[in-house]
């Protein structure tokens, strides 16, 4: 998995997105603590962020399977 900012030259423009702007969470992780909209298996989308190699957020549970993410506009 590739994480934005690791190495420093890997940026959001380096991430591959689908036609609707979603990145595959199995292939790419956003930079730590950047607010994102998360598509979670079996659940509607929720806001959240990554820290290290895990997903966090006030409504994100540790057992949620994150499928896709997109960075929130203006963040």
C-alpha atoms as a PDB file:
ATOM      1  CA  UNK A   1       0.000   0.000   0.000  1.00  0.00           C
ATOM      2  CA  UNK A   2       1.244   3.501  -0.790  1.00  0.00           C
ATOM      3  CA  UNK A   3       0.699   6.388   1.628  1.00  0.00           C
ATOM      4  CA  UNK A   4       0.587  10.035   0.578  1.00  0.00           C
ATOM      5  CA  UNK A   5       3.693  11.777   1.891  1.00  0.00           C
ATOM      6  CA  UNK A   6       5.706   8.539   2.146  1.00  0.00           C
ATOM      7  CA  UNK A   7       8.126   9.057   0.437  1.00  0.00           C
ATOM      8  CA  UNK A   8       7.810  12.818   0.367  1.00  0.00           C
ATOM      9  CA  UNK A   9       7.402  12.945  -3.413  1.00  0.00           C
ATOM     10  CA  UNK A  10       4.264  10.725  -3.322  1.00  0.00           C
ATOM     11  CA  UNK A  11       1.394  13.234  -3.415  1.00  0.00           C
ATOM     12  CA  UNK A  12      -2.378  13.171  -3.911  1.00  0.00           C
ATOM     13  CA  UNK A  13      -1.811  13.708  -7.640  1.00  0.00           C
ATOM     14  CA  UNK A  14       0.171  10.425  -7.641  1.00  0.00           C
ATOM     15  CA  UNK A  15      -2.865   8.464  -6.372  1.00  0.00           C
ATOM     16  CA  UNK A  16      -5.034   6.613  -8.912  1.00  0.00           C
ATOM     17  CA  UNK A  17      -8.721   7.558  -8.593  1.00  0.00           C
ATOM     18  CA  UNK A  18     -11.818   6.100 -10.279  1.00  0.00           C
ATOM     19  CA  UNK A  19     -14.082   8.222 -12.489  1.00  0.00           C
ATOM     20  CA  UNK A  20     -15.956   9.500  -9.404  1.00  0.00           C
ATOM     21  CA  UNK A  21     -12.780  10.554  -7.578  1.00  0.00           C
ATOM     22  CA  UNK A  22     -12.520   7.623  -5.128  1.00  0.00           C
ATOM     23  CA  UNK A  23      -9.189   5.979  -4.259  1.00  0.00           C
ATOM     24  CA  UNK A  24      -8.968   2.260  -3.438  1.00  0.00           C
ATOM     25  CA  UNK A  25      -8.155   1.963   0.282  1.00  0.00           C
ATOM     26  CA  UNK A  26      -6.311  -1.329  -0.295  1.00  0.00           C
ATOM     27  CA  UNK A  27      -3.850   0.430  -2.602  1.00  0.00           C
ATOM     28  CA  UNK A  28      -3.544   3.963  -1.217  1.00  0.00           C
ATOM     29  CA  UNK A  29      -3.763   5.774   2.139  1.00  0.00           C
ATOM     30  CA  UNK A  30      -4.160   9.544   2.552  1.00  0.00           C
ATOM     31  CA  UNK A  31      -1.653  11.594   4.531  1.00  0.00           C
ATOM     32  CA  UNK A  32      -2.098  11.365   8.304  1.00  0.00           C
ATOM     33  CA  UNK A  33      -5.040  13.331   9.731  1.00  0.00           C
ATOM     34  CA  UNK A  34      -6.292  14.684   6.367  1.00  0.00           C
ATOM     35  CA  UNK A  35     -10.097  14.665   6.552  1.00  0.00           C
ATOM     36  CA  UNK A  36     -11.592  12.252   4.029  1.00  0.00           C
ATOM     37  CA  UNK A  37     -14.964  10.828   3.099  1.00  0.00           C
ATOM     38  CA  UNK A  38     -14.843   7.037   3.546  1.00  0.00           C
ATOM     39  CA  UNK A  39     -16.904   4.368   1.780  1.00  0.00           C
ATOM     40  CA  UNK A  40     -17.342   1.570   4.288  1.00  0.00           C
ATOM     41  CA  UNK A  41     -18.546  -1.942   3.465  1.00  0.00           C
ATOM     42  CA  UNK A  42     -22.242  -2.318   4.314  1.00  0.00           C
ATOM     43  CA  UNK A  43     -22.546   1.269   5.606  1.00  0.00           C
ATOM     44  CA  UNK A  44     -23.118   4.658   4.052  1.00  0.00           C
ATOM     45  CA  UNK A  45     -20.148   6.968   3.761  1.00  0.00           C
ATOM     46  CA  UNK A  46     -18.625   8.553   6.866  1.00  0.00           C
ATOM     47  CA  UNK A  47     -15.987  11.224   7.446  1.00  0.00           C
ATOM     48  CA  UNK A  48     -12.684  10.023   8.870  1.00  0.00           C
ATOM     49  CA  UNK A  49      -8.915  10.106   8.521  1.00  0.00           C
ATOM     50  CA  UNK A  50      -5.897   7.848   8.618  1.00  0.00           C
ATOM     51  CA  UNK A  51      -3.197   7.821  11.247  1.00  0.00           C
ATOM     52  CA  UNK A  52      -0.301   5.550  10.563  1.00  0.00           C
ATOM     53  CA  UNK A  53      -1.763   2.471   8.884  1.00  0.00           C
ATOM     54  CA  UNK A  54      -5.224   2.558  10.493  1.00  0.00           C
ATOM     55  CA  UNK A  55      -8.412   4.525   9.959  1.00  0.00           C
ATOM     56  CA  UNK A  56      -9.753   6.852  12.663  1.00  0.00           C
ATOM     57  CA  UNK A  57     -12.602   9.269  13.164  1.00  0.00           C
ATOM     58  CA  UNK A  58     -15.348  10.016  15.619  1.00  0.00           C
ATOM     59  CA  UNK A  59     -17.773   7.640  13.845  1.00  0.00           C
ATOM     60  CA  UNK A  60     -15.292   5.115  12.434  1.00  0.00           C
ATOM     61  CA  UNK A  61     -15.219   1.802  14.275  1.00  0.00           C
ATOM     62  CA  UNK A  62     -12.123  -0.419  14.341  1.00  0.00           C
ATOM     63  CA  UNK A  63     -14.069  -3.237  12.657  1.00  0.00           C
ATOM     64  CA  UNK A  64     -15.281  -1.067   9.724  1.00  0.00           C
ATOM     65  CA  UNK A  65     -13.891  -2.247   6.384  1.00  0.00           C
ATOM     66  CA  UNK A  66     -12.850   0.879   4.475  1.00  0.00           C
ATOM     67  CA  UNK A  67     -13.215   0.257   0.751  1.00  0.00           C
ATOM     68  CA  UNK A  68     -12.591   3.693  -0.797  1.00  0.00           C
ATOM     69  CA  UNK A  69     -11.749   7.214   0.278  1.00  0.00           C
ATOM     70  CA  UNK A  70     -11.665  10.702  -1.161  1.00  0.00           C
ATOM     71  CA  UNK A  71     -10.129  13.801   0.375  1.00  0.00           C
ATOM     72  CA  UNK A  72     -12.695  16.326   1.571  1.00  0.00           C
ATOM     73  CA  UNK A  73     -12.829  19.491  -0.529  1.00  0.00           C
ATOM     74  CA  UNK A  74     -11.225  22.507   1.096  1.00  0.00           C
ATOM     75  CA  UNK A  75      -9.138  20.417   3.499  1.00  0.00           C
END
